[in-house]
Amino acid sequence: MAGPVIVSPPPPARGKPLSQDPHAVRDTRENVLEVAIGHEVRSFRKKLGITVADLAVTTGLSVGMLSKIENGITSPSLTTLQALSRALGVPVTAFFRGFEEERKAVFVKAGSGVDVERRGTRAGHQYTLLGHIGSDSSGVVVEPYLISLTEDSDVFPTFQHDGMEFLYMLEGEVVYRHGSNLYRMTPGDSLFFDADAPHGPEELTHLPMRYLSIISYPHGRGNG
């Protein structure tokens, strides 16, 4: 059976544009409340597994009006909110929970990250956690690490855990394994992959080495 091969980087992707604009902003302060209410209405509806048409029948509101509410285009009256509350089985106050909710951010000065113990630590791989937010509205945990390897580091057996992982090479050179494929990574290269497949450094080509690792996984499921 043939062994793994080093995979050449693919040409730049020319697929569909992203569905989310990373630079989008809300136009005015007045629209924030409507957007927050619309987000909660849509969220509760989807949790029940019903369509906008189903909700229209239950509430007596038109599909067009519900669409405007969910998209934050119109401000629903108290009577409308009460109808939505009964149909969705939630208190009226539940529609306001995202309004002006505190959003957390973590700022870490250079050299001030927290060194943590992970599986690779005993092989000489230094893991510096660059920030952590315990809970947020996304339902996803994101852990950014700066991983440093020196001449004293060993090639470590492969990792395998829940979620997705993104690597960005900062310094040095490594042949990195993901599943049956090998990727030669130099500064500026990145690798984004399903972390459930076996992965990890296969060959420490040029040391010292530093790369950024960002791991994401659902709340309640550790990264192993």
Foldseek 3Di string as FASTA:
>chain_A
DDAADADDDDPDDDDDDDPDDPPDDDDDPVLLLLQLLLCQLVVLCVVVVDDLVVLCVQLVHDSVVNVCSNRSNDDDDPSSLVSSCVSSVHDSCSSRCPRVPDDDDDQADPPRFQWDDDPQVVQQKTWGWGDWDQDDDPQKGKTKTKIWHAPSGDFDWWAAFAFKKKKAWQAAWFFKDFARHTHIDHHGDMDIGGRRTTIGTDGRHTDGTIMMMMGMHGPPGDGD
